[in-house]
Amino acid sequence: MQVVVRDNNVDQALRALKKKLQREGVYREMKLRRFYEKKSEKKAREQAAAVRRARKLERKRLERDGLFQARR
């Protein structure tokens, strides 16, 4: 990963780097790796994430088809 420093503006380059790291998921990965996670816990976490993704996809599909009104 690379960030260009323009006009000696290191603060702006640092902000750009942090944004890139956030987008790539590096911070999330570091948080997960901070402590050991048992295989069963990892499996449960990934399964829960898959269920959330599937429900969200289904909600989006129903909302698009006009069968479901999102609460806002």
C-alpha atoms as a PDB file:
ATOM      1  CA  MET A   1       0.000   0.000   0.000  1.00  0.00           C
ATOM      2  CA  GLN A   2       1.328   3.386  -0.923  1.00  0.00           C
ATOM      3  CA  VAL A   3       0.397   7.014  -0.228  1.00  0.00           C
ATOM      4  CA  VAL A   4       1.983  10.014  -1.919  1.00  0.00           C
ATOM      5  CA  VAL A   5       3.026  12.927   0.313  1.00  0.00           C
ATOM      6  CA  ARG A   6       2.398  16.185  -1.530  1.00  0.00           C
ATOM      7  CA  ASP A   7       3.896  19.533  -0.528  1.00  0.00           C
ATOM      8  CA  ASN A   8       5.349  18.036   2.683  1.00  0.00           C
ATOM      9  CA  ASN A   9       1.790  17.617   3.988  1.00  0.00           C
ATOM     10  CA  VAL A  10       2.291  14.509   6.118  1.00  0.00           C
ATOM     11  CA  ASP A  11      -0.986  14.941   8.023  1.00  0.00           C
ATOM     12  CA  GLN A  12      -3.024  14.696   4.843  1.00  0.00           C
ATOM     13  CA  ALA A  13      -1.036  11.651   3.692  1.00  0.00           C
ATOM     14  CA  LEU A  14      -1.556   9.997   7.073  1.00  0.00           C
ATOM     15  CA  ARG A  15      -5.316  10.572   6.835  1.00  0.00           C
ATOM     16  CA  ALA A  16      -5.314   9.027   3.351  1.00  0.00           C
ATOM     17  CA  LEU A  17      -3.335   6.023   4.614  1.00  0.00           C
ATOM     18  CA  LYS A  18      -5.717   5.473   7.534  1.00  0.00           C
ATOM     19  CA  LYS A  19      -8.694   5.640   5.170  1.00  0.00           C
ATOM     20  CA  LYS A  20      -7.097   3.055   2.867  1.00  0.00           C
ATOM     21  CA  LEU A  21      -6.326   0.754   5.798  1.00  0.00           C
ATOM     22  CA  GLN A  22      -9.906   1.094   7.035  1.00  0.00           C
ATOM     23  CA  ARG A  23     -11.294   0.271   3.584  1.00  0.00           C
ATOM     24  CA  GLU A  24      -9.065  -2.803   3.285  1.00  0.00           C
ATOM     25  CA  GLY A  25     -10.211  -4.121   6.665  1.00  0.00           C
ATOM     26  CA  VAL A  26      -6.757  -4.071   8.271  1.00  0.00           C
ATOM     27  CA  TYR A  27      -8.033  -2.606  11.550  1.00  0.00           C
ATOM     28  CA  ARG A  28     -10.752  -5.262  11.814  1.00  0.00           C
ATOM     29  CA  GLU A  29      -8.172  -7.974  11.128  1.00  0.00           C
ATOM     30  CA  MET A  30      -5.823  -6.585  13.799  1.00  0.00           C
ATOM     31  CA  LYS A  31      -8.664  -6.509  16.321  1.00  0.00           C
ATOM     32  CA  LEU A  32      -9.540 -10.144  15.582  1.00  0.00           C
ATOM     33  CA  ARG A  33      -5.928 -11.279  15.854  1.00  0.00           C
ATOM     34  CA  ARG A  34      -5.248  -9.474  19.126  1.00  0.00           C
ATOM     35  CA  PHE A  35      -6.364 -12.549  21.092  1.00  0.00           C
ATOM     36  CA  TYR A  36      -6.482 -16.211  20.179  1.00  0.00           C
ATOM     37  CA  GLU A  37      -9.862 -17.342  18.929  1.00  0.00           C
ATOM     38  CA  LYS A  38     -10.839 -20.994  19.225  1.00  0.00           C
ATOM     39  CA  LYS A  39     -11.858 -22.706  16.004  1.00  0.00           C
ATOM     40  CA  SER A  40     -15.383 -23.223  17.313  1.00  0.00           C
ATOM     41  CA  GLU A  41     -15.693 -19.511  18.156  1.00  0.00           C
ATOM     42  CA  LYS A  42     -14.370 -18.524  14.735  1.00  0.00           C
ATOM     43  CA  LYS A  43     -16.796 -20.887  13.033  1.00  0.00           C
ATOM     44  CA  ALA A  44     -19.725 -19.506  15.052  1.00  0.00           C
ATOM     45  CA  ARG A  45     -18.715 -15.904  14.302  1.00  0.00           C
ATOM     46  CA  GLU A  46     -18.373 -16.570  10.580  1.00  0.00           C
ATOM     47  CA  GLN A  47     -21.690 -18.458  10.517  1.00  0.00           C
ATOM     48  CA  ALA A  48     -23.439 -15.557  12.261  1.00  0.00           C
ATOM     49  CA  ALA A  49     -21.929 -13.130   9.747  1.00  0.00           C
ATOM     50  CA  ALA A  50     -23.150 -15.308   6.874  1.00  0.00           C
ATOM     51  CA  VAL A  51     -26.675 -15.330   8.344  1.00  0.00           C
ATOM     52  CA  ARG A  52     -26.601 -11.525   8.699  1.00  0.00           C
ATOM     53  CA  ARG A  53     -25.441 -11.153   5.087  1.00  0.00           C
ATOM     54  CA  ALA A  54     -28.169 -13.502   3.822  1.00  0.00           C
ATOM     55  CA  ARG A  55     -30.899 -11.688   5.783  1.00  0.00           C
ATOM     56  CA  LYS A  56     -29.681  -8.318   4.553  1.00  0.00           C
ATOM     57  CA  LEU A  57     -29.624  -9.563   0.951  1.00  0.00           C
ATOM     58  CA  GLU A  58     -33.166 -10.938   1.340  1.00  0.00           C
ATOM     59  CA  ARG A  59     -34.359  -7.642   2.853  1.00  0.00           C
ATOM     60  CA  LYS A  60     -32.806  -5.706  -0.039  1.00  0.00           C
ATOM     61  CA  ARG A  61     -34.449  -8.047  -2.561  1.00  0.00           C
ATOM     62  CA  LEU A  62     -37.883  -7.709  -0.918  1.00  0.00           C
ATOM     63  CA  GLU A  63     -37.492  -3.947  -0.640  1.00  0.00           C
ATOM     64  CA  ARG A  64     -36.562  -3.738  -4.314  1.00  0.00           C
ATOM     65  CA  ASP A  65     -39.621  -5.812  -5.289  1.00  0.00           C
ATOM     66  CA  GLY A  66     -41.848  -3.568  -3.190  1.00  0.00           C
ATOM     67  CA  LEU A  67     -42.959  -6.335  -0.831  1.00  0.00           C
ATOM     68  CA  PHE A  68     -41.239  -4.935   2.212  1.00  0.00           C
ATOM     69  CA  GLN A  69     -41.064  -1.411   3.595  1.00  0.00           C
ATOM     70  CA  ALA A  70     -37.895  -0.637   5.554  1.00  0.00           C
ATOM     71  CA  ARG A  71     -38.328   1.141   8.898  1.00  0.00           C
ATOM     72  CA  ARG A  72     -36.641   4.504   8.865  1.00  0.00           C
END
